[in-house]
Structure formats: structure tokens, C-alpha cells
């Protein structure tokens, strides 16, 4: 059964999810409010990037032993003009402080529109012209990417405020209502992910013997290799990795570079098909 890890910043964002999925509070957990059932966990991080980064890492510590886990950040966000209540998946996540960008990959069908999402350290009184804005997503994606493939990590945001209705006018009850109205959409996102991961071989994250016998990877390189192999299986499951196709190099970095180029080429093909 696929493990699904949900993270929200606010208790009012979490409440509809806790009720909908019948999650039980994990007693004895003082660091964060954590809820779970057999295959879904939900962690309430608190506001801000530091809190979200810590909560994501803590969730992995508690529940992250299963491979092919799905990670989903659910919450509200602001936008200059998008109507309140409109849901979006993040197609690009931009950190306004570090200027770094992250790009979730859409392998499963998109059940709603997507937008760029910008993450700020402080609440915004002036909205970016062409993106959603929040205070946690970049930290969530950066940390979750250490534990899973980008194809299994998404941010789903519902518009809670815009230029005509700023953030000062919303309250926790309204936020819960916005999340509750999107529960069917959230079910669909999780269903799509679950069907994808259930179709993958159980060994998708294991290092094949043909690789480990020839190269002696460092711990960091093993993590990179596992992520690349997982992305390969996700993006091109019909094309297995064969020993005859591997480069003749004995250099570990060259092998990882070759794998990355192959996986990136699958991504380009997938995007062209979607267009």
C-alpha cells in the first residue's frame, strides 16, 4: 500500500483532511501535530519555511521507511487576481529569498490547472503579477526531494486571498471551508499517485547488482542514483535498464551524469506528448 504524506502549515488547513481521511492524532508527539491512518500521515508544520522544512524531515523520520512514498503539501495561497477558492497545482516553485526554482514533474493526469508558486519569508501585501504566493512550499519541496522523486511530490494550493480580498480578511473557519470544498480534487490527486506507484516494481529504489558490482558509490551518490533510477521507472517503465546499454566508464560521476541525461530526455519526450 502506497504511503501518502500530507503536510499543511495551519491546523485549519489540516482539519478537513483529518476528518475526511479519519486520521488519528499521534499521541506523544510533541514536535508537531501529527495524524495518521494505515497509509496516510498528516503533519501540521506551523507557518514559514523553517517550520515546514523541519516538519517534512520529521515526517520522513517517522514514516519514511517505505519507498515510492507520495508527498503532498496542501494549503491556501494568495494571488493578484485569481478567484478565491480556485485550486492550482504548482508547476514551478520559486524561492524569493534564495532565487532558486524547483520543478515538480507531472507524470499523472492533472485534475486542475497549474501555476508558478513563489515562496516568501514574510506575508505579502503586494501580490506577484504572475504567480501564487505562500510561505512554505519551496522548503517542503526541497526537503521532500531528498526522500522521493520529484514526480511523487506536489503542492496543491487553493486561493484564499487576492488584491480585492486581502489576507487580513480571512479567518480559520473560512480556510477550512476552502480546503473542504476541494476534498474531491485531493482524492483524485492521491488516487492518481497511488495508481502510479502501485504499478511500479517493488525494487524501483534498489540499486541493481549490475551497478553496485561495478561501481562503489558514496552515500551521497547512492541517494542520487536511487532518485535517478526511480525517475527512470516512473517516466519510462517500458524501457528497462540493461547492462549492455550502460556506458563503459568506470567513473561514478560520469555514470550519474549519463543517467541524468537519459532521464531528462524521457522528461522532454513526455512533455512533448502532453502538448
Protein backbone atom coordinates (compact mmCIF):
# COMPACT_ATOMS: atom_id res chain seq x y z
CA UNK A 1 0.00 0.00 0.00
CA UNK A 2 1.37 3.38 -1.02
CA UNK A 3 2.37 5.71 1.81
CA UNK A 4 0.97 9.22 1.40
CA UNK A 5 2.42 12.09 3.43
CA UNK A 6 0.31 15.24 3.66
CA UNK A 7 1.74 18.45 5.12
CA UNK A 8 -0.12 21.64 5.96
CA UNK A 9 1.09 24.80 7.64
CA UNK A 10 -2.07 25.56 9.63
CA UNK A 11 -4.41 23.49 11.85
CA UNK A 12 -7.39 24.96 9.98
CA UNK A 13 -5.96 23.59 6.72
CA UNK A 14 -5.50 20.19 8.34
CA UNK A 15 -8.92 19.84 9.99
CA UNK A 16 -10.98 18.92 6.88
CA UNK A 17 -8.28 16.41 5.89
CA UNK A 18 -8.21 14.81 9.34
CA UNK A 19 -11.99 14.40 9.28
CA UNK A 20 -12.17 13.24 5.66
CA UNK A 21 -9.45 10.59 5.92
CA UNK A 22 -10.40 9.65 9.51
CA UNK A 23 -6.91 10.28 10.79
CA UNK A 24 -6.00 9.69 14.42
CA UNK A 25 -3.76 12.00 16.44
CA UNK A 26 -0.34 10.50 17.19
CA UNK A 27 -0.16 10.86 20.94
CA UNK A 28 3.20 11.54 22.49
CA UNK A 29 4.44 13.58 19.51
CA UNK A 30 5.40 16.96 20.92
CA UNK A 31 7.37 18.38 17.99
CA UNK A 32 4.41 18.65 15.61
CA UNK A 33 0.72 17.77 15.50
CA UNK A 34 0.72 14.51 13.54
CA UNK A 35 -2.25 12.41 12.42
CA UNK A 36 -2.32 9.11 10.55
CA UNK A 37 -4.18 6.02 9.43
CA UNK A 38 -2.87 2.88 7.74
CA UNK A 39 -1.36 4.63 4.73
CA UNK A 40 -1.82 8.40 5.16
CA UNK A 41 0.07 10.70 7.50
CA UNK A 42 -0.62 14.38 8.04
CA UNK A 43 1.81 16.77 9.72
CA UNK A 44 0.96 20.34 10.73
CA UNK A 45 4.18 22.32 10.45
CA UNK A 46 3.34 25.84 11.52
CA UNK A 47 3.97 28.93 9.40
CA UNK A 48 7.18 29.54 7.50
CA UNK A 49 9.93 27.77 5.61
CA UNK A 50 11.96 26.70 8.63
CA UNK A 51 8.94 25.11 10.27
CA UNK A 52 7.94 23.31 7.07
CA UNK A 53 11.48 22.05 6.42
CA UNK A 54 11.67 20.62 9.94
CA UNK A 55 8.20 19.06 9.70
CA UNK A 56 8.97 17.40 6.36
CA UNK A 57 12.20 15.90 7.68
CA UNK A 58 10.45 14.79 10.87
CA UNK A 59 7.69 13.11 8.86
CA UNK A 60 10.28 11.14 6.93
CA UNK A 61 11.94 10.12 10.19
CA UNK A 62 8.63 8.73 11.48
CA UNK A 63 7.08 7.27 8.33
CA UNK A 64 9.67 7.34 5.57
CA UNK A 65 10.83 3.73 5.51
CA UNK A 66 8.60 2.80 2.54
CA UNK A 67 9.91 3.52 -0.94
CA UNK A 68 7.81 5.34 -3.54
CA UNK A 69 6.08 7.50 -0.93
CA UNK A 70 3.83 10.31 -2.12
CA UNK A 71 4.38 13.78 -0.67
CA UNK A 72 1.69 16.45 -0.94
CA UNK A 73 1.70 19.96 0.54
CA UNK A 74 -1.88 21.23 0.80
CA UNK A 75 -2.80 24.75 1.80
CA UNK A 76 -4.03 28.18 0.84
CA UNK A 77 -2.18 30.81 -1.17
CA UNK A 78 -2.62 34.34 -2.43
CA UNK A 79 -2.76 35.64 -6.00
CA UNK A 80 -3.16 39.05 -7.56
CA UNK A 81 -6.41 38.29 -9.40
CA UNK A 82 -7.36 34.59 -9.33
CA UNK A 83 -10.82 33.99 -7.78
CA UNK A 84 -10.94 32.83 -4.18
CA UNK A 85 -11.45 29.09 -3.92
CA UNK A 86 -9.66 28.24 -7.17
CA UNK A 87 -7.25 25.27 -6.82
CA UNK A 88 -3.86 25.05 -8.53
CA UNK A 89 -1.00 22.58 -8.64
CA UNK A 90 2.44 24.19 -8.56
CA UNK A 91 4.23 23.74 -11.89
CA UNK A 92 7.23 25.76 -10.69
CA UNK A 93 8.18 26.62 -7.12
CA UNK A 94 10.32 29.74 -6.77
CA UNK A 95 12.06 30.72 -3.53
CA UNK A 96 12.04 34.53 -3.35
CA UNK A 97 14.97 34.58 -0.90
CA UNK A 98 17.42 32.12 -2.45
CA UNK A 99 16.20 32.77 -6.03
CA UNK A 100 16.21 29.02 -6.59
CA UNK A 101 13.48 27.26 -8.56
CA UNK A 102 12.10 23.73 -8.27
CA UNK A 103 10.09 21.99 -10.97
CA UNK A 104 7.59 19.28 -9.98
CA UNK A 105 7.05 16.75 -12.77
CA UNK A 106 3.53 15.91 -13.90
CA UNK A 107 3.50 12.22 -14.79
CA UNK A 108 -0.09 11.59 -13.69
CA UNK A 109 -3.07 13.45 -15.23
CA UNK A 110 -3.55 16.99 -13.90
CA UNK A 111 -7.02 17.29 -12.35
CA UNK A 112 -6.76 21.09 -12.16
CA UNK A 113 -4.79 23.98 -13.65
CA UNK A 114 -1.20 24.69 -12.66
CA UNK A 115 0.63 27.91 -11.83
CA UNK A 116 4.03 29.15 -10.68
CA UNK A 117 4.17 29.36 -6.89
CA UNK A 118 6.51 31.83 -5.16
CA UNK A 119 7.52 31.27 -1.53
CA UNK A 120 8.31 34.25 0.69
CA UNK A 121 9.66 34.57 4.23
CA UNK A 122 7.14 37.26 5.15
CA UNK A 123 3.43 37.76 4.44
CA UNK A 124 2.91 39.69 1.20
CA UNK A 125 0.83 42.84 0.99
CA UNK A 126 1.64 43.20 -2.72
CA UNK A 127 0.98 40.11 -4.80
CA UNK A 128 3.34 38.92 -7.56
CA UNK A 129 1.91 39.59 -11.00
CA UNK A 130 2.14 36.08 -12.40
CA UNK A 131 2.34 33.58 -9.56
CA UNK A 132 0.70 32.29 -6.44
CA UNK A 133 2.41 33.17 -3.16
CA UNK A 134 2.84 31.26 0.09
CA UNK A 135 5.41 30.86 2.88
CA UNK A 136 6.25 27.14 2.90
CA UNK A 137 6.26 25.39 -0.49
CA UNK A 138 9.90 25.80 -1.50
CA UNK A 139 11.12 24.35 1.80
CA UNK A 140 8.67 21.47 1.54
CA UNK A 141 9.74 20.55 -1.98
CA UNK A 142 13.46 20.92 -1.32
CA UNK A 143 13.38 18.60 1.71
CA UNK A 144 10.87 16.09 0.30
CA UNK A 145 13.08 15.77 -2.79
CA UNK A 146 15.72 14.18 -0.58
CA UNK A 147 13.35 11.31 0.18
CA UNK A 148 11.35 10.78 -3.02
CA UNK A 149 11.31 11.52 -6.74
CA UNK A 150 10.02 14.89 -7.95
CA UNK A 151 7.29 13.02 -9.85
CA UNK A 152 5.82 11.97 -6.49
CA UNK A 153 5.96 15.40 -4.84
CA UNK A 154 3.31 18.07 -5.43
CA UNK A 155 1.98 21.27 -3.92
CA UNK A 156 -1.77 21.89 -4.14
CA UNK A 157 -2.84 25.42 -3.25
CA UNK A 158 -6.30 26.96 -3.03
CA UNK A 159 -6.66 30.72 -3.49
CA UNK A 160 -7.65 32.34 -0.19
CA UNK A 161 -6.86 35.98 -0.87
CA UNK A 162 -6.26 38.39 -3.73
CA UNK A 163 -5.95 42.11 -4.34
CA UNK A 164 -9.65 42.71 -3.72
CA UNK A 165 -9.85 40.42 -0.67
CA UNK A 166 -6.53 40.52 1.17
CA UNK A 167 -5.27 38.03 3.75
CA UNK A 168 -6.33 40.19 6.70
CA UNK A 169 -9.97 39.42 5.88
CA UNK A 170 -9.79 35.63 6.10
CA UNK A 171 -10.24 33.55 9.24
CA UNK A 172 -9.55 29.89 10.16
CA UNK A 173 -13.15 28.80 9.53
CA UNK A 174 -13.03 30.20 6.01
CA UNK A 175 -9.71 28.46 5.33
CA UNK A 176 -11.16 25.12 6.47
CA UNK A 177 -14.14 25.66 4.20
CA UNK A 178 -11.89 26.32 1.20
CA UNK A 179 -9.98 23.09 1.81
CA UNK A 180 -13.16 21.11 2.43
CA UNK A 181 -14.63 22.13 -0.92
CA UNK A 182 -11.57 20.69 -2.68
CA UNK A 183 -11.63 17.26 -0.98
CA UNK A 184 -12.85 15.51 -4.18
CA UNK A 185 -9.91 17.05 -6.04
CA UNK A 186 -7.50 15.98 -3.30
CA UNK A 187 -8.93 12.44 -3.51
CA UNK A 188 -8.25 12.45 -7.25
CA UNK A 189 -4.66 13.66 -6.85
CA UNK A 190 -3.93 10.96 -4.28
CA UNK A 191 -5.71 8.31 -6.38
CA UNK A 192 -3.61 9.19 -9.44
CA UNK A 193 -0.41 8.99 -7.44
CA UNK A 194 -1.41 5.72 -5.79
CA UNK A 195 -2.22 4.08 -9.12
CA UNK A 196 1.15 5.21 -10.46
CA UNK A 197 3.20 3.91 -7.54
CA UNK A 198 1.26 0.63 -7.36
CA UNK A 199 2.23 -0.04 -10.98
CA UNK A 200 5.93 0.23 -10.20
CA UNK A 201 8.14 -2.74 -9.32
CA UNK A 202 8.87 -3.06 -5.62
CA UNK A 203 12.59 -2.76 -6.37
CA UNK A 204 12.34 0.62 -8.07
CA UNK A 205 14.52 2.27 -5.41
CA UNK A 206 17.04 -0.52 -5.01
CA UNK A 207 20.48 -0.31 -6.61
CA UNK A 208 20.73 -3.07 -9.24
CA UNK A 209 23.53 -5.54 -8.66
CA UNK A 210 24.98 -4.80 -12.08
CA UNK A 211 25.62 -1.23 -10.90
CA UNK A 212 26.82 -1.90 -7.38
CA UNK A 213 29.22 -4.59 -8.56
CA UNK A 214 30.95 -2.29 -10.99
CA UNK A 215 30.92 0.99 -9.07
CA UNK A 216 31.43 1.70 -5.37
CA UNK A 217 29.15 4.62 -4.61
CA UNK A 218 29.43 7.00 -1.69
CA UNK A 219 26.35 7.51 0.49
CA UNK A 220 25.53 10.75 -1.33
CA UNK A 221 25.98 9.10 -4.73
CA UNK A 222 23.74 6.21 -3.69
CA UNK A 223 20.98 8.70 -2.93
CA UNK A 224 21.44 10.38 -6.32
CA UNK A 225 21.46 7.01 -8.05
CA UNK A 226 18.28 5.82 -6.33
CA UNK A 227 16.48 9.02 -7.31
CA UNK A 228 17.58 8.73 -10.95
CA UNK A 229 16.57 5.07 -11.14
CA UNK A 230 13.20 5.84 -9.62
CA UNK A 231 12.60 8.64 -12.13
CA UNK A 232 13.62 6.28 -14.95
CA UNK A 233 10.99 3.75 -13.84
CA UNK A 234 8.36 6.46 -13.48
CA UNK A 235 8.99 8.15 -16.81
CA UNK A 236 9.87 5.15 -18.96
CA UNK A 237 8.71 1.90 -17.30
CA UNK A 238 8.63 0.11 -20.67
CA UNK A 239 12.38 0.68 -21.16
CA UNK A 240 14.36 -1.27 -18.55
CA UNK A 241 17.98 -0.55 -17.68
CA UNK A 242 20.13 -3.18 -19.36
CA UNK A 243 23.79 -3.86 -18.71
CA UNK A 244 24.61 -3.66 -22.40
CA UNK A 245 23.30 -0.09 -22.57
CA UNK A 246 25.46 1.23 -19.72
CA UNK A 247 28.47 3.42 -20.55
CA UNK A 248 31.89 1.74 -20.39
CA UNK A 249 33.26 4.32 -17.98
CA UNK A 250 34.50 3.33 -14.53
CA UNK A 251 33.95 6.85 -13.24
CA UNK A 252 30.97 7.13 -10.89
CA UNK A 253 30.28 10.78 -11.69
CA UNK A 254 30.24 10.06 -15.40
CA UNK A 255 27.73 7.26 -14.85
CA UNK A 256 25.46 9.52 -12.80
CA UNK A 257 25.74 12.22 -15.47
CA UNK A 258 24.80 9.70 -18.17
CA UNK A 259 21.78 8.52 -16.16
CA UNK A 260 20.64 12.09 -15.58
CA UNK A 261 20.83 12.90 -19.29
CA UNK A 262 18.80 9.77 -20.11
CA UNK A 263 16.12 10.58 -17.54
CA UNK A 264 15.94 14.21 -18.66
CA UNK A 265 15.41 13.02 -22.22
CA UNK A 266 12.42 10.92 -21.07
CA UNK A 267 11.02 14.01 -19.38
CA UNK A 268 11.32 16.04 -22.61
CA UNK A 269 9.56 13.30 -24.60
CA UNK A 270 6.74 13.17 -22.03
CA UNK A 271 6.26 16.94 -22.14
CA UNK A 272 6.13 16.94 -25.95
CA UNK A 273 3.44 14.22 -25.89
CA UNK A 274 1.34 16.26 -23.43
CA UNK A 275 1.46 19.25 -25.76
